[in-house]
């Protein structure tokens, strides 16, 4: 298995617990630490969305400060 790079995540693992589902995902934060998140939901899709949202929040990529190909150097320096 290839090591995760900074800000990368691996595939989602889904399991059924009680009447709902639980999604697990491993990711590497920008400090280089491997982390694991767990989120639940009433369906597979809901649990998957919840865990992916949690990874984006943990990495600080909530969509607000996204750098795109049209961003300037000043945008990048401000954090998006």
PDB file of N, CA and C in Angstrom:
ATOM      1  N   UNK A   1       0.841  -1.178   0.000  1.00  0.00           N
ATOM      2  CA  UNK A   1       0.000   0.000   0.000  1.00  0.00           C
ATOM      3  C   UNK A   1       0.889   1.243   0.000  1.00  0.00           C
ATOM      4  N   UNK A   2       0.571   2.185  -0.875  1.00  0.00           N
ATOM      5  CA  UNK A   2       1.328   3.435  -1.009  1.00  0.00           C
ATOM      6  C   UNK A   2       1.036   4.342   0.191  1.00  0.00           C
ATOM      7  N   UNK A   3       2.081   4.932   0.784  1.00  0.00           N
ATOM      8  CA  UNK A   3       1.849   5.857   1.900  1.00  0.00           C
ATOM      9  C   UNK A   3       1.047   7.077   1.435  1.00  0.00           C
ATOM     10  N   UNK A   4       0.251   7.605   2.325  1.00  0.00           N
ATOM     11  CA  UNK A   4      -0.541   8.788   2.017  1.00  0.00           C
ATOM     12  C   UNK A   4       0.341  10.027   2.040  1.00  0.00           C
ATOM     13  N   UNK A   5       0.129  10.917   1.083  1.00  0.00           N
ATOM     14  CA  UNK A   5       0.823  12.195   1.074  1.00  0.00           C
ATOM     15  C   UNK A   5       0.100  13.183   1.976  1.00  0.00           C
ATOM     16  N   UNK A   6       0.683  14.339   2.184  1.00  0.00           N
ATOM     17  CA  UNK A   6       0.056  15.358   3.023  1.00  0.00           C
ATOM     18  C   UNK A   6      -1.291  15.764   2.427  1.00  0.00           C
ATOM     19  N   UNK A   7      -2.320  15.763   3.250  1.00  0.00           N
ATOM     20  CA  UNK A   7      -3.652  16.157   2.804  1.00  0.00           C
ATOM     21  C   UNK A   7      -4.394  15.093   2.026  1.00  0.00           C
ATOM     22  N   UNK A   8      -3.851  13.897   1.916  1.00  0.00           N
ATOM     23  CA  UNK A   8      -4.517  12.816   1.182  1.00  0.00           C
ATOM     24  C   UNK A   8      -5.300  11.926   2.128  1.00  0.00           C
ATOM     25  N   UNK A   9      -6.285  11.250   1.541  1.00  0.00           N
ATOM     26  CA  UNK A   9      -7.070  10.285   2.309  1.00  0.00           C
ATOM     27  C   UNK A   9      -7.133   8.978   1.549  1.00  0.00           C
ATOM     28  N   UNK A  10      -7.436   7.919   2.270  1.00  0.00           N
ATOM     29  CA  UNK A  10      -7.600   6.626   1.615  1.00  0.00           C
ATOM     30  C   UNK A  10      -9.094   6.378   1.398  1.00  0.00           C
ATOM     31  N   UNK A  11      -9.423   5.197   0.952  1.00  0.00           N
ATOM     32  CA  UNK A  11     -10.823   4.857   0.700  1.00  0.00           C
ATOM     33  C   UNK A  11     -11.631   4.783   1.987  1.00  0.00           C
ATOM     34  N   UNK A  12     -12.930   4.843   1.824  1.00  0.00           N
ATOM     35  CA  UNK A  12     -13.853   4.809   2.954  1.00  0.00           C
ATOM     36  C   UNK A  12     -14.224   3.362   3.259  1.00  0.00           C
ATOM     37  N   UNK A  13     -14.233   3.007   4.533  1.00  0.00           N
ATOM     38  CA  UNK A  13     -14.688   1.702   4.978  1.00  0.00           C
ATOM     39  C   UNK A  13     -16.044   1.888   5.638  1.00  0.00           C
ATOM     40  N   UNK A  14     -17.042   1.133   5.196  1.00  0.00           N
ATOM     41  CA  UNK A  14     -18.397   1.246   5.740  1.00  0.00           C
ATOM     42  C   UNK A  14     -18.780  -0.029   6.462  1.00  0.00           C
ATOM     43  N   UNK A  15     -19.410   0.139   7.622  1.00  0.00           N
ATOM     44  CA  UNK A  15     -19.935  -1.001   8.370  1.00  0.00           C
ATOM     45  C   UNK A  15     -21.320  -0.655   8.880  1.00  0.00           C
ATOM     46  N   UNK A  16     -22.093  -1.678   9.137  1.00  0.00           N
ATOM     47  CA  UNK A  16     -23.427  -1.478   9.695  1.00  0.00           C
ATOM     48  C   UNK A  16     -23.345  -1.638  11.211  1.00  0.00           C
ATOM     49  N   UNK A  17     -23.906  -0.689  11.918  1.00  0.00           N
ATOM     50  CA  UNK A  17     -23.952  -0.743  13.386  1.00  0.00           C
ATOM     51  C   UNK A  17     -25.366  -0.433  13.818  1.00  0.00           C
ATOM     52  N   UNK A  18     -26.040  -1.402  14.402  1.00  0.00           N
ATOM     53  CA  UNK A  18     -27.421  -1.197  14.828  1.00  0.00           C
ATOM     54  C   UNK A  18     -28.307  -0.917  13.632  1.00  0.00           C
ATOM     55  N   UNK A  19     -29.043   0.174  13.681  1.00  0.00           N
ATOM     56  CA  UNK A  19     -29.939   0.525  12.583  1.00  0.00           C
ATOM     57  C   UNK A  19     -29.316   1.511  11.600  1.00  0.00           C
ATOM     58  N   UNK A  20     -28.049   1.849  11.797  1.00  0.00           N
ATOM     59  CA  UNK A  20     -27.395   2.817  10.924  1.00  0.00           C
ATOM     60  C   UNK A  20     -26.094   2.278  10.361  1.00  0.00           C
ATOM     61  N   UNK A  21     -25.315   3.171   9.769  1.00  0.00           N
ATOM     62  CA  UNK A  21     -24.040   2.819   9.150  1.00  0.00           C
ATOM     63  C   UNK A  21     -22.950   3.722   9.694  1.00  0.00           C
ATOM     64  N   UNK A  22     -21.726   3.185   9.715  1.00  0.00           N
ATOM     65  CA  UNK A  22     -20.567   3.937  10.182  1.00  0.00           C
ATOM     66  C   UNK A  22     -19.518   3.922   9.081  1.00  0.00           C
ATOM     67  N   UNK A  23     -18.950   5.085   8.811  1.00  0.00           N
ATOM     68  CA  UNK A  23     -17.900   5.228   7.804  1.00  0.00           C
ATOM     69  C   UNK A  23     -16.599   5.610   8.504  1.00  0.00           C
ATOM     70  N   UNK A  24     -15.520   4.939   8.113  1.00  0.00           N
ATOM     71  CA  UNK A  24     -14.183   5.213   8.631  1.00  0.00           C
ATOM     72  C   UNK A  24     -13.306   5.645   7.469  1.00  0.00           C
ATOM     73  N   UNK A  25     -12.404   6.569   7.730  1.00  0.00           N
ATOM     74  CA  UNK A  25     -11.438   6.972   6.709  1.00  0.00           C
ATOM     75  C   UNK A  25     -10.134   7.369   7.399  1.00  0.00           C
ATOM     76  N   UNK A  26      -9.023   6.994   6.756  1.00  0.00           N
ATOM     77  CA  UNK A  26      -7.711   7.415   7.230  1.00  0.00           C
ATOM     78  C   UNK A  26      -7.233   8.553   6.337  1.00  0.00           C
ATOM     79  N   UNK A  27      -6.518   9.521   6.931  1.00  0.00           N
ATOM     80  CA  UNK A  27      -5.948  10.622   6.156  1.00  0.00           C
ATOM     81  C   UNK A  27      -4.672  11.097   6.829  1.00  0.00           C
ATOM     82  N   UNK A  28      -3.870  11.838   6.088  1.00  0.00           N
ATOM     83  CA  UNK A  28      -2.640  12.418   6.637  1.00  0.00           C
ATOM     84  C   UNK A  28      -2.819  13.929   6.668  1.00  0.00           C
ATOM     85  N   UNK A  29      -2.664  14.503   7.863  1.00  0.00           N
ATOM     86  CA  UNK A  29      -2.812  15.952   7.972  1.00  0.00           C
ATOM     87  C   UNK A  29      -1.563  16.648   7.438  1.00  0.00           C
ATOM     88  N   UNK A  30      -1.591  17.965   7.410  1.00  0.00           N
ATOM     89  CA  UNK A  30      -0.487  18.722   6.831  1.00  0.00           C
ATOM     90  C   UNK A  30       0.753  18.755   7.722  1.00  0.00           C
ATOM     91  N   UNK A  31       0.637  18.253   8.944  1.00  0.00           N
ATOM     92  CA  UNK A  31       1.801  18.118   9.819  1.00  0.00           C
ATOM     93  C   UNK A  31       2.461  16.757   9.633  1.00  0.00           C
ATOM     94  N   UNK A  32       1.860  15.896   8.793  1.00  0.00           N
ATOM     95  CA  UNK A  32       2.427  14.584   8.522  1.00  0.00           C
ATOM     96  C   UNK A  32       1.886  13.463   9.390  1.00  0.00           C
ATOM     97  N   UNK A  33       0.956  13.761  10.255  1.00  0.00           N
ATOM     98  CA  UNK A  33       0.389  12.750  11.152  1.00  0.00           C
ATOM     99  C   UNK A  33      -0.744  11.989  10.481  1.00  0.00           C
ATOM    100  N   UNK A  34      -0.719  10.677  10.618  1.00  0.00           N
ATOM    101  CA  UNK A  34      -1.813   9.856  10.125  1.00  0.00           C
ATOM    102  C   UNK A  34      -2.961   9.903  11.120  1.00  0.00           C
ATOM    103  N   UNK A  35      -4.150  10.090  10.631  1.00  0.00           N
ATOM    104  CA  UNK A  35      -5.325  10.187  11.500  1.00  0.00           C
ATOM    105  C   UNK A  35      -6.439   9.317  10.940  1.00  0.00           C
ATOM    106  N   UNK A  36      -7.405   9.017  11.784  1.00  0.00           N
ATOM    107  CA  UNK A  36      -8.564   8.227  11.387  1.00  0.00           C
ATOM    108  C   UNK A  36      -9.815   8.905  11.924  1.00  0.00           C
ATOM    109  N   UNK A  37     -10.820   9.011  11.061  1.00  0.00           N
ATOM    110  CA  UNK A  37     -12.092   9.606  11.461  1.00  0.00           C
ATOM    111  C   UNK A  37     -13.198   8.580  11.326  1.00  0.00           C
ATOM    112  N   UNK A  38     -14.212   8.753  12.149  1.00  0.00           N
ATOM    113  CA  UNK A  38     -15.381   7.875  12.146  1.00  0.00           C
ATOM    114  C   UNK A  38     -16.621   8.751  12.228  1.00  0.00           C
ATOM    115  N   UNK A  39     -17.548   8.548  11.306  1.00  0.00           N
ATOM    116  CA  UNK A  39     -18.820   9.271  11.332  1.00  0.00           C
ATOM    117  C   UNK A  39     -19.932   8.299  10.979  1.00  0.00           C
ATOM    118  N   UNK A  40     -21.128   8.580  11.470  1.00  0.00           N
ATOM    119  CA  UNK A  40     -22.250   7.678  11.229  1.00  0.00           C
ATOM    120  C   UNK A  40     -23.368   8.383  10.490  1.00  0.00           C
ATOM    121  N   UNK A  41     -24.322   7.598  10.035  1.00  0.00           N
ATOM    122  CA  UNK A  41     -25.482   8.121   9.334  1.00  0.00           C
ATOM    123  C   UNK A  41     -26.514   7.014   9.153  1.00  0.00           C
ATOM    124  N   UNK A  42     -27.723   7.378   8.759  1.00  0.00           N
ATOM    125  CA  UNK A  42     -28.787   6.383   8.597  1.00  0.00           C
ATOM    126  C   UNK A  42     -28.613   5.500   7.358  1.00  0.00           C
ATOM    127  N   UNK A  43     -27.753   5.919   6.406  1.00  0.00           N
ATOM    128  CA  UNK A  43     -27.515   5.131   5.196  1.00  0.00           C
ATOM    129  C   UNK A  43     -26.026   5.145   4.877  1.00  0.00           C
ATOM    130  N   UNK A  44     -25.608   4.258   3.957  1.00  0.00           N
ATOM    131  CA  UNK A  44     -24.207   4.247   3.507  1.00  0.00           C
ATOM    132  C   UNK A  44     -23.803   5.604   2.961  1.00  0.00           C
ATOM    133  N   UNK A  45     -24.646   6.160   2.107  1.00  0.00           N
ATOM    134  CA  UNK A  45     -24.330   7.440   1.469  1.00  0.00           C
ATOM    135  C   UNK A  45     -24.213   8.565   2.493  1.00  0.00           C
ATOM    136  N   UNK A  46     -25.111   8.587   3.440  1.00  0.00           N
ATOM    137  CA  UNK A  46     -25.094   9.626   4.466  1.00  0.00           C
ATOM    138  C   UNK A  46     -23.840   9.526   5.333  1.00  0.00           C
ATOM    139  N   UNK A  47     -23.491   8.320   5.739  1.00  0.00           N
ATOM    140  CA  UNK A  47     -22.285   8.118   6.550  1.00  0.00           C
ATOM    141  C   UNK A  47     -21.047   8.528   5.761  1.00  0.00           C
ATOM    142  N   UNK A  48     -21.005   8.198   4.455  1.00  0.00           N
ATOM    143  CA  UNK A  48     -19.871   8.568   3.610  1.00  0.00           C
ATOM    144  C   UNK A  48     -19.751  10.083   3.486  1.00  0.00           C
ATOM    145  N   UNK A  49     -20.868  10.757   3.235  1.00  0.00           N
ATOM    146  CA  UNK A  49     -20.846  12.224   3.143  1.00  0.00           C
ATOM    147  C   UNK A  49     -20.369  12.850   4.441  1.00  0.00           C
ATOM    148  N   UNK A  50     -20.849  12.310   5.559  1.00  0.00           N
ATOM    149  CA  UNK A  50     -20.470  12.863   6.866  1.00  0.00           C
ATOM    150  C   UNK A  50     -18.975  12.723   7.128  1.00  0.00           C
ATOM    151  N   UNK A  51     -18.388  11.573   6.792  1.00  0.00           N
ATOM    152  CA  UNK A  51     -16.967  11.382   7.065  1.00  0.00           C
ATOM    153  C   UNK A  51     -16.115  12.214   6.102  1.00  0.00           C
ATOM    154  N   UNK A  52     -16.549  12.361   4.846  1.00  0.00           N
ATOM    155  CA  UNK A  52     -15.800  13.205   3.916  1.00  0.00           C
ATOM    156  C   UNK A  52     -15.858  14.673   4.314  1.00  0.00           C
ATOM    157  N   UNK A  53     -16.999  15.121   4.801  1.00  0.00           N
ATOM    158  CA  UNK A  53     -17.131  16.496   5.297  1.00  0.00           C
ATOM    159  C   UNK A  53     -16.192  16.712   6.485  1.00  0.00           C
ATOM    160  N   UNK A  54     -16.109  15.715   7.370  1.00  0.00           N
ATOM    161  CA  UNK A  54     -15.238  15.823   8.541  1.00  0.00           C
ATOM    162  C   UNK A  54     -13.766  15.904   8.128  1.00  0.00           C
ATOM    163  N   UNK A  55     -13.368  15.156   7.099  1.00  0.00           N
ATOM    164  CA  UNK A  55     -11.984  15.224   6.612  1.00  0.00           C
ATOM    165  C   UNK A  55     -11.697  16.606   6.045  1.00  0.00           C
ATOM    166  N   UNK A  56     -12.623  17.137   5.230  1.00  0.00           N
ATOM    167  CA  UNK A  56     -12.428  18.485   4.668  1.00  0.00           C
ATOM    168  C   UNK A  56     -12.287  19.518   5.781  1.00  0.00           C
ATOM    169  N   UNK A  57     -13.122  19.422   6.809  1.00  0.00           N
ATOM    170  CA  UNK A  57     -13.046  20.365   7.929  1.00  0.00           C
ATOM    171  C   UNK A  57     -11.729  20.206   8.683  1.00  0.00           C
ATOM    172  N   UNK A  58     -11.300  18.962   8.903  1.00  0.00           N
ATOM    173  CA  UNK A  58     -10.057  18.716   9.640  1.00  0.00           C
ATOM    174  C   UNK A  58      -8.850  19.257   8.887  1.00  0.00           C
ATOM    175  N   UNK A  59      -8.898  19.188   7.563  1.00  0.00           N
ATOM    176  CA  UNK A  59      -7.789  19.697   6.760  1.00  0.00           C
ATOM    177  C   UNK A  59      -7.916  21.183   6.471  1.00  0.00           C
ATOM    178  N   UNK A  60      -9.005  21.791   6.920  1.00  0.00           N
ATOM    179  CA  UNK A  60      -9.192  23.217   6.709  1.00  0.00           C
ATOM    180  C   UNK A  60      -9.586  23.554   5.292  1.00  0.00           C
ATOM    181  N   UNK A  61     -10.179  22.603   4.598  1.00  0.00           N
ATOM    182  CA  UNK A  61     -10.592  22.819   3.204  1.00  0.00           C
ATOM    183  C   UNK A  61     -12.108  22.826   3.136  1.00  0.00           C
ATOM    184  N   UNK A  62     -12.717  23.835   3.714  1.00  0.00           N
ATOM    185  CA  UNK A  62     -14.172  23.913   3.734  1.00  0.00           C
ATOM    186  C   UNK A  62     -14.740  24.499   2.451  1.00  0.00           C
ATOM    187  N   UNK A  63     -13.869  24.772   1.490  1.00  0.00           N
ATOM    188  CA  UNK A  63     -14.311  25.317   0.214  1.00  0.00           C
ATOM    189  C   UNK A  63     -14.214  26.827   0.150  1.00  0.00           C
ATOM    190  N   UNK A  64     -14.073  27.483   1.286  1.00  0.00           N
ATOM    191  CA  UNK A  64     -14.036  28.935   1.296  1.00  0.00           C
ATOM    192  C   UNK A  64     -12.745  29.519   0.765  1.00  0.00           C
ATOM    193  N   UNK A  65     -11.610  28.958   1.099  1.00  0.00           N
ATOM    194  CA  UNK A  65     -10.338  29.512   0.689  1.00  0.00           C
ATOM    195  C   UNK A  65      -9.657  28.685  -0.371  1.00  0.00           C
ATOM    196  N   UNK A  66     -10.381  28.208  -1.305  1.00  0.00           N
ATOM    197  CA  UNK A  66      -9.833  27.319  -2.313  1.00  0.00           C
ATOM    198  C   UNK A  66      -8.972  28.084  -3.313  1.00  0.00           C
ATOM    199  N   UNK A  67      -7.824  27.525  -3.632  1.00  0.00           N
ATOM    200  CA  UNK A  67      -6.929  28.092  -4.621  1.00  0.00           C
ATOM    201  C   UNK A  67      -7.267  27.440  -5.965  1.00  0.00           C
ATOM    202  N   UNK A  68      -7.492  28.241  -6.971  1.00  0.00           N
ATOM    203  CA  UNK A  68      -7.806  27.737  -8.303  1.00  0.00           C
ATOM    204  C   UNK A  68      -6.746  28.200  -9.280  1.00  0.00           C
ATOM    205  N   UNK A  69      -6.860  27.788 -10.541  1.00  0.00           N
ATOM    206  CA  UNK A  69      -5.857  28.185 -11.523  1.00  0.00           C
ATOM    207  C   UNK A  69      -5.920  29.667 -11.853  1.00  0.00           C
ATOM    208  N   UNK A  70      -7.005  30.344 -11.480  1.00  0.00           N
ATOM    209  CA  UNK A  70      -7.100  31.781 -11.722  1.00  0.00           C
ATOM    210  C   UNK A  70      -6.740  32.607 -10.487  1.00  0.00           C
ATOM    211  N   UNK A  71      -6.376  31.940  -9.389  1.00  0.00           N
ATOM    212  CA  UNK A  71      -5.989  32.649  -8.169  1.00  0.00           C
ATOM    213  C   UNK A  71      -4.658  33.357  -8.383  1.00  0.00           C
ATOM    214  N   UNK A  72      -4.507  34.490  -7.743  1.00  0.00           N
ATOM    215  CA  UNK A  72      -3.247  35.224  -7.814  1.00  0.00           C
ATOM    216  C   UNK A  72      -2.345  34.828  -6.666  1.00  0.00           C
ATOM    217  N   UNK A  73      -1.096  35.259  -6.720  1.00  0.00           N
ATOM    218  CA  UNK A  73      -0.163  34.996  -5.633  1.00  0.00           C
ATOM    219  C   UNK A  73      -0.662  35.656  -4.346  1.00  0.00           C
ATOM    220  N   UNK A  74      -1.274  36.820  -4.453  1.00  0.00           N
ATOM    221  CA  UNK A  74      -1.836  37.489  -3.281  1.00  0.00           C
ATOM    222  C   UNK A  74      -2.968  36.661  -2.660  1.00  0.00           C
ATOM    223  N   UNK A  75      -3.803  36.038  -3.507  1.00  0.00           N
ATOM    224  CA  UNK A  75      -4.848  35.167  -2.976  1.00  0.00           C
ATOM    225  C   UNK A  75      -4.251  34.027  -2.183  1.00  0.00           C
ATOM    226  N   UNK A  76      -3.204  33.427  -2.722  1.00  0.00           N
ATOM    227  CA  UNK A  76      -2.551  32.306  -2.043  1.00  0.00           C
ATOM    228  C   UNK A  76      -1.926  32.751  -0.713  1.00  0.00           C
ATOM    229  N   UNK A  77      -1.317  33.921  -0.698  1.00  0.00           N
ATOM    230  CA  UNK A  77      -0.695  34.430   0.526  1.00  0.00           C
ATOM    231  C   UNK A  77      -1.745  34.720   1.600  1.00  0.00           C
ATOM    232  N   UNK A  78      -2.929  35.149   1.184  1.00  0.00           N
ATOM    233  CA  UNK A  78      -4.005  35.405   2.135  1.00  0.00           C
ATOM    234  C   UNK A  78      -4.672  34.116   2.585  1.00  0.00           C
ATOM    235  N   UNK A  79      -4.363  33.001   1.941  1.00  0.00           N
ATOM    236  CA  UNK A  79      -4.996  31.742   2.297  1.00  0.00           C
ATOM    237  C   UNK A  79      -6.227  31.500   1.455  1.00  0.00           C
ATOM    238  N   UNK A  80      -6.300  32.060   0.288  1.00  0.00           N
ATOM    239  CA  UNK A  80      -7.417  31.809  -0.629  1.00  0.00           C
ATOM    240  C   UNK A  80      -8.074  33.043  -0.927  1.00  0.00           C
TER     241      UNK A  80
END
